[in-house]
């Protein structure tokens, strides 16, 4: 088991360096800074509130689903961050190109990725396929931006995405049926 763990840890860092160093282009820096904001607390809070205020029942319901999904996934991410307290890569490696320094010192799992994919998956379920694919791609790009910016390991992003998928596809529909 320790050999597997060491192997996965090495691959995690190798992938981080791929996104943070090998993909680095000056023109991408501002683009990644914008993309990463799609998983920010401000965006994740404002989108459901705007939709909830709609007079359309469908849009209002979509806003409630987003609020429930984001609340549940955020609680899970917060609890795991406290339990694991994994330092961010930009705090562990001097040569990581950190384009922003988050206030939260804990890296695992990625809250931005979780929020962006929670939003993407819930929206994708209620939109036509061509549009829904674009939302999912945006959610994935948020995860890539977190590694590119040096604030998350690939495993942080992967687990943040898994939490989003489980919350969006299983927990939110269950809670909506119950309530």
C-alpha atoms as a PDB file:
ATOM      1  CA  UNK A   1       0.000   0.000   0.000  1.00  0.00           C
ATOM      2  CA  UNK A   2       2.819   2.423   0.767  1.00  0.00           C
ATOM      3  CA  UNK A   3       4.345   1.850  -2.683  1.00  0.00           C
ATOM      4  CA  UNK A   4       1.024   2.691  -4.303  1.00  0.00           C
ATOM      5  CA  UNK A   5       0.605   5.755  -2.081  1.00  0.00           C
ATOM      6  CA  UNK A   6       4.114   6.998  -2.927  1.00  0.00           C
ATOM      7  CA  UNK A   7       3.518   6.394  -6.629  1.00  0.00           C
ATOM      8  CA  UNK A   8       0.217   8.319  -6.566  1.00  0.00           C
ATOM      9  CA  UNK A   9       1.796  11.152  -4.593  1.00  0.00           C
ATOM     10  CA  UNK A  10       4.634  11.440  -7.137  1.00  0.00           C
ATOM     11  CA  UNK A  11       2.161  11.432 -10.053  1.00  0.00           C
ATOM     12  CA  UNK A  12       0.060  14.061  -8.264  1.00  0.00           C
ATOM     13  CA  UNK A  13       3.073  16.388  -8.089  1.00  0.00           C
ATOM     14  CA  UNK A  14       4.145  15.538 -11.660  1.00  0.00           C
ATOM     15  CA  UNK A  15       0.692  16.468 -12.976  1.00  0.00           C
ATOM     16  CA  UNK A  16       0.710  19.659 -10.914  1.00  0.00           C
ATOM     17  CA  UNK A  17       4.004  20.694 -12.522  1.00  0.00           C
ATOM     18  CA  UNK A  18       2.588  19.896 -15.949  1.00  0.00           C
ATOM     19  CA  UNK A  19      -0.342  22.290 -15.445  1.00  0.00           C
ATOM     20  CA  UNK A  20       1.649  24.886 -13.506  1.00  0.00           C
ATOM     21  CA  UNK A  21       4.858  24.961 -15.572  1.00  0.00           C
ATOM     22  CA  UNK A  22       4.517  23.232 -18.934  1.00  0.00           C
ATOM     23  CA  UNK A  23       1.173  24.841 -19.838  1.00  0.00           C
ATOM     24  CA  UNK A  24       2.312  28.256 -18.636  1.00  0.00           C
ATOM     25  CA  UNK A  25       1.812  31.026 -21.163  1.00  0.00           C
ATOM     26  CA  UNK A  26       1.678  34.724 -20.288  1.00  0.00           C
ATOM     27  CA  UNK A  27      -1.550  35.218 -22.257  1.00  0.00           C
ATOM     28  CA  UNK A  28      -3.213  32.391 -20.263  1.00  0.00           C
ATOM     29  CA  UNK A  29      -2.567  33.952 -16.836  1.00  0.00           C
ATOM     30  CA  UNK A  30      -5.414  36.525 -16.960  1.00  0.00           C
ATOM     31  CA  UNK A  31      -7.746  34.008 -18.638  1.00  0.00           C
ATOM     32  CA  UNK A  32      -7.158  31.459 -15.870  1.00  0.00           C
ATOM     33  CA  UNK A  33      -7.688  34.167 -13.228  1.00  0.00           C
ATOM     34  CA  UNK A  34     -11.114  34.867 -14.759  1.00  0.00           C
ATOM     35  CA  UNK A  35     -12.050  31.192 -15.172  1.00  0.00           C
ATOM     36  CA  UNK A  36     -11.151  30.413 -11.557  1.00  0.00           C
ATOM     37  CA  UNK A  37     -13.695  33.029 -10.398  1.00  0.00           C
ATOM     38  CA  UNK A  38     -16.518  30.836 -11.753  1.00  0.00           C
ATOM     39  CA  UNK A  39     -15.958  28.684  -8.669  1.00  0.00           C
ATOM     40  CA  UNK A  40     -15.625  31.570  -6.227  1.00  0.00           C
ATOM     41  CA  UNK A  41     -17.882  32.042  -3.220  1.00  0.00           C
ATOM     42  CA  UNK A  42     -19.291  35.283  -4.647  1.00  0.00           C
ATOM     43  CA  UNK A  43     -20.316  33.712  -7.941  1.00  0.00           C
ATOM     44  CA  UNK A  44     -21.592  30.535  -6.281  1.00  0.00           C
ATOM     45  CA  UNK A  45     -23.720  32.592  -3.900  1.00  0.00           C
ATOM     46  CA  UNK A  46     -25.060  35.133  -6.390  1.00  0.00           C
ATOM     47  CA  UNK A  47     -26.156  32.771  -9.181  1.00  0.00           C
ATOM     48  CA  UNK A  48     -28.719  30.782  -7.140  1.00  0.00           C
ATOM     49  CA  UNK A  49     -30.019  33.972  -5.496  1.00  0.00           C
ATOM     50  CA  UNK A  50     -30.586  35.609  -8.887  1.00  0.00           C
ATOM     51  CA  UNK A  51     -32.399  32.513 -10.197  1.00  0.00           C
ATOM     52  CA  UNK A  52     -34.516  32.148  -7.041  1.00  0.00           C
ATOM     53  CA  UNK A  53     -35.809  35.700  -7.571  1.00  0.00           C
ATOM     54  CA  UNK A  54     -37.205  34.745 -10.981  1.00  0.00           C
ATOM     55  CA  UNK A  55     -40.962  34.655 -11.528  1.00  0.00           C
ATOM     56  CA  UNK A  56     -40.592  31.591 -13.723  1.00  0.00           C
ATOM     57  CA  UNK A  57     -41.276  28.414 -11.728  1.00  0.00           C
ATOM     58  CA  UNK A  58     -38.639  26.459 -13.677  1.00  0.00           C
ATOM     59  CA  UNK A  59     -35.914  29.082 -13.170  1.00  0.00           C
ATOM     60  CA  UNK A  60     -36.903  29.539  -9.500  1.00  0.00           C
ATOM     61  CA  UNK A  61     -36.716  25.749  -8.951  1.00  0.00           C
ATOM     62  CA  UNK A  62     -33.350  25.622 -10.674  1.00  0.00           C
ATOM     63  CA  UNK A  63     -32.091  28.320  -8.297  1.00  0.00           C
ATOM     64  CA  UNK A  64     -33.316  26.312  -5.303  1.00  0.00           C
ATOM     65  CA  UNK A  65     -31.591  23.185  -6.625  1.00  0.00           C
ATOM     66  CA  UNK A  66     -28.359  25.150  -7.021  1.00  0.00           C
ATOM     67  CA  UNK A  67     -28.651  26.582  -3.513  1.00  0.00           C
ATOM     68  CA  UNK A  68     -29.233  23.122  -2.008  1.00  0.00           C
ATOM     69  CA  UNK A  69     -26.405  21.572  -4.032  1.00  0.00           C
ATOM     70  CA  UNK A  70     -23.922  24.312  -3.218  1.00  0.00           C
ATOM     71  CA  UNK A  71     -24.842  24.305   0.470  1.00  0.00           C
ATOM     72  CA  UNK A  72     -24.404  20.523   0.765  1.00  0.00           C
ATOM     73  CA  UNK A  73     -21.208  20.335  -1.278  1.00  0.00           C
ATOM     74  CA  UNK A  74     -19.696  23.300   0.599  1.00  0.00           C
ATOM     75  CA  UNK A  75     -20.384  21.651   3.952  1.00  0.00           C
ATOM     76  CA  UNK A  76     -18.684  18.459   2.781  1.00  0.00           C
ATOM     77  CA  UNK A  77     -15.663  20.336   1.382  1.00  0.00           C
ATOM     78  CA  UNK A  78     -15.332  22.426   4.553  1.00  0.00           C
ATOM     79  CA  UNK A  79     -15.442  19.350   6.804  1.00  0.00           C
ATOM     80  CA  UNK A  80     -12.834  17.518   4.714  1.00  0.00           C
ATOM     81  CA  UNK A  81     -10.544  20.577   4.581  1.00  0.00           C
ATOM     82  CA  UNK A  82     -10.601  20.762   8.386  1.00  0.00           C
ATOM     83  CA  UNK A  83     -10.028  17.018   8.758  1.00  0.00           C
ATOM     84  CA  UNK A  84      -7.092  16.757   6.311  1.00  0.00           C
ATOM     85  CA  UNK A  85      -5.485  20.226   6.522  1.00  0.00           C
ATOM     86  CA  UNK A  86      -3.324  19.566   3.463  1.00  0.00           C
ATOM     87  CA  UNK A  87      -1.127  22.598   2.710  1.00  0.00           C
ATOM     88  CA  UNK A  88      -1.460  24.178  -0.712  1.00  0.00           C
ATOM     89  CA  UNK A  89       1.232  23.338  -3.284  1.00  0.00           C
ATOM     90  CA  UNK A  90       2.305  26.989  -3.471  1.00  0.00           C
ATOM     91  CA  UNK A  91       3.175  26.726   0.245  1.00  0.00           C
ATOM     92  CA  UNK A  92       5.047  23.430  -0.193  1.00  0.00           C
ATOM     93  CA  UNK A  93       7.155  24.038  -3.310  1.00  0.00           C
ATOM     94  CA  UNK A  94       9.185  27.198  -3.870  1.00  0.00           C
ATOM     95  CA  UNK A  95       9.121  26.868  -7.648  1.00  0.00           C
ATOM     96  CA  UNK A  96       5.341  26.635  -7.998  1.00  0.00           C
ATOM     97  CA  UNK A  97       4.070  29.664  -9.885  1.00  0.00           C
ATOM     98  CA  UNK A  98       1.362  30.939  -7.553  1.00  0.00           C
ATOM     99  CA  UNK A  99      -0.701  33.550  -9.386  1.00  0.00           C
ATOM    100  CA  UNK A 100      -2.902  34.120  -6.355  1.00  0.00           C
ATOM    101  CA  UNK A 101      -2.612  33.383  -2.655  1.00  0.00           C
ATOM    102  CA  UNK A 102      -5.892  32.136  -1.163  1.00  0.00           C
ATOM    103  CA  UNK A 103      -6.842  33.095   2.400  1.00  0.00           C
ATOM    104  CA  UNK A 104      -7.678  29.462   3.139  1.00  0.00           C
ATOM    105  CA  UNK A 105      -4.425  27.578   3.735  1.00  0.00           C
ATOM    106  CA  UNK A 106      -5.970  24.124   3.199  1.00  0.00           C
ATOM    107  CA  UNK A 107      -5.842  22.564  -0.232  1.00  0.00           C
ATOM    108  CA  UNK A 108      -7.810  19.302  -0.085  1.00  0.00           C
ATOM    109  CA  UNK A 109     -10.377  19.140  -1.679  1.00  0.00           C
ATOM    110  CA  UNK A 110     -10.789  22.003  -4.150  1.00  0.00           C
ATOM    111  CA  UNK A 111     -13.790  24.098  -3.139  1.00  0.00           C
ATOM    112  CA  UNK A 112     -13.705  26.158  -6.348  1.00  0.00           C
ATOM    113  CA  UNK A 113     -13.786  23.014  -8.490  1.00  0.00           C
ATOM    114  CA  UNK A 114     -16.559  21.542  -6.369  1.00  0.00           C
ATOM    115  CA  UNK A 115     -18.685  24.699  -6.579  1.00  0.00           C
ATOM    116  CA  UNK A 116     -18.136  25.154 -10.326  1.00  0.00           C
ATOM    117  CA  UNK A 117     -18.951  21.532 -11.134  1.00  0.00           C
ATOM    118  CA  UNK A 118     -21.953  21.509  -8.790  1.00  0.00           C
ATOM    119  CA  UNK A 119     -23.319  24.506 -10.695  1.00  0.00           C
ATOM    120  CA  UNK A 120     -22.364  22.993 -14.073  1.00  0.00           C
ATOM    121  CA  UNK A 121     -23.921  19.584 -13.446  1.00  0.00           C
ATOM    122  CA  UNK A 122     -27.168  20.957 -11.991  1.00  0.00           C
ATOM    123  CA  UNK A 123     -27.525  23.435 -14.878  1.00  0.00           C
ATOM    124  CA  UNK A 124     -26.595  20.751 -17.428  1.00  0.00           C
ATOM    125  CA  UNK A 125     -29.430  18.521 -16.221  1.00  0.00           C
ATOM    126  CA  UNK A 126     -32.018  21.150 -17.096  1.00  0.00           C
ATOM    127  CA  UNK A 127     -30.621  22.512 -20.367  1.00  0.00           C
ATOM    128  CA  UNK A 128     -30.358  21.154 -23.929  1.00  0.00           C
ATOM    129  CA  UNK A 129     -27.308  18.945 -24.555  1.00  0.00           C
ATOM    130  CA  UNK A 130     -25.371  21.443 -26.660  1.00  0.00           C
ATOM    131  CA  UNK A 131     -25.536  24.076 -23.925  1.00  0.00           C
ATOM    132  CA  UNK A 132     -25.099  21.610 -21.063  1.00  0.00           C
ATOM    133  CA  UNK A 133     -21.794  20.373 -22.489  1.00  0.00           C
ATOM    134  CA  UNK A 134     -20.467  23.934 -22.466  1.00  0.00           C
ATOM    135  CA  UNK A 135     -21.319  24.297 -18.763  1.00  0.00           C
ATOM    136  CA  UNK A 136     -19.555  21.042 -17.891  1.00  0.00           C
ATOM    137  CA  UNK A 137     -16.481  22.125 -19.881  1.00  0.00           C
ATOM    138  CA  UNK A 138     -16.445  25.399 -17.912  1.00  0.00           C
ATOM    139  CA  UNK A 139     -16.613  23.439 -14.655  1.00  0.00           C
ATOM    140  CA  UNK A 140     -13.656  21.296 -15.717  1.00  0.00           C
ATOM    141  CA  UNK A 141     -11.738  24.417 -16.772  1.00  0.00           C
ATOM    142  CA  UNK A 142     -12.132  25.816 -13.255  1.00  0.00           C
ATOM    143  CA  UNK A 143     -10.365  22.718 -11.931  1.00  0.00           C
ATOM    144  CA  UNK A 144      -7.588  23.115 -14.495  1.00  0.00           C
ATOM    145  CA  UNK A 145      -7.245  26.793 -13.582  1.00  0.00           C
ATOM    146  CA  UNK A 146      -6.721  25.878  -9.914  1.00  0.00           C
ATOM    147  CA  UNK A 147      -3.738  23.689 -10.834  1.00  0.00           C
ATOM    148  CA  UNK A 148      -2.455  26.190 -13.398  1.00  0.00           C
ATOM    149  CA  UNK A 149      -2.542  28.925 -10.735  1.00  0.00           C
ATOM    150  CA  UNK A 150      -0.614  26.717  -8.291  1.00  0.00           C
ATOM    151  CA  UNK A 151      -3.208  26.558  -5.526  1.00  0.00           C
ATOM    152  CA  UNK A 152      -4.325  22.909  -5.876  1.00  0.00           C
ATOM    153  CA  UNK A 153      -2.912  19.480  -6.559  1.00  0.00           C
ATOM    154  CA  UNK A 154      -4.677  17.345  -9.194  1.00  0.00           C
ATOM    155  CA  UNK A 155      -6.001  15.069  -6.424  1.00  0.00           C
ATOM    156  CA  UNK A 156      -7.621  18.114  -4.752  1.00  0.00           C
ATOM    157  CA  UNK A 157      -9.368  18.928  -8.020  1.00  0.00           C
ATOM    158  CA  UNK A 158     -10.374  15.305  -8.628  1.00  0.00           C
ATOM    159  CA  UNK A 159     -11.925  14.907  -5.184  1.00  0.00           C
ATOM    160  CA  UNK A 160     -13.636  18.303  -5.408  1.00  0.00           C
ATOM    161  CA  UNK A 161     -15.153  17.140  -8.698  1.00  0.00           C
ATOM    162  CA  UNK A 162     -16.256  13.821  -7.188  1.00  0.00           C
ATOM    163  CA  UNK A 163     -17.991  15.617  -4.317  1.00  0.00           C
ATOM    164  CA  UNK A 164     -19.766  17.839  -6.862  1.00  0.00           C
ATOM    165  CA  UNK A 165     -20.933  14.866  -8.934  1.00  0.00           C
ATOM    166  CA  UNK A 166     -22.218  12.910  -5.945  1.00  0.00           C
ATOM    167  CA  UNK A 167     -23.942  15.960  -4.500  1.00  0.00           C
ATOM    168  CA  UNK A 168     -25.467  17.092  -7.807  1.00  0.00           C
ATOM    169  CA  UNK A 169     -26.542  13.724  -9.171  1.00  0.00           C
ATOM    170  CA  UNK A 170     -27.543  11.881  -5.988  1.00  0.00           C
ATOM    171  CA  UNK A 171     -28.012  14.130  -2.955  1.00  0.00           C
ATOM    172  CA  UNK A 172     -29.841  17.108  -4.512  1.00  0.00           C
ATOM    173  CA  UNK A 173     -32.520  14.972  -6.253  1.00  0.00           C
ATOM    174  CA  UNK A 174     -33.024  13.017  -3.018  1.00  0.00           C
ATOM    175  CA  UNK A 175     -33.403  16.172  -0.911  1.00  0.00           C
ATOM    176  CA  UNK A 176     -35.815  17.705  -3.425  1.00  0.00           C
ATOM    177  CA  UNK A 177     -38.018  14.592  -3.265  1.00  0.00           C
ATOM    178  CA  UNK A 178     -37.931  14.570   0.552  1.00  0.00           C
ATOM    179  CA  UNK A 179     -38.759  18.248   0.943  1.00  0.00           C
END
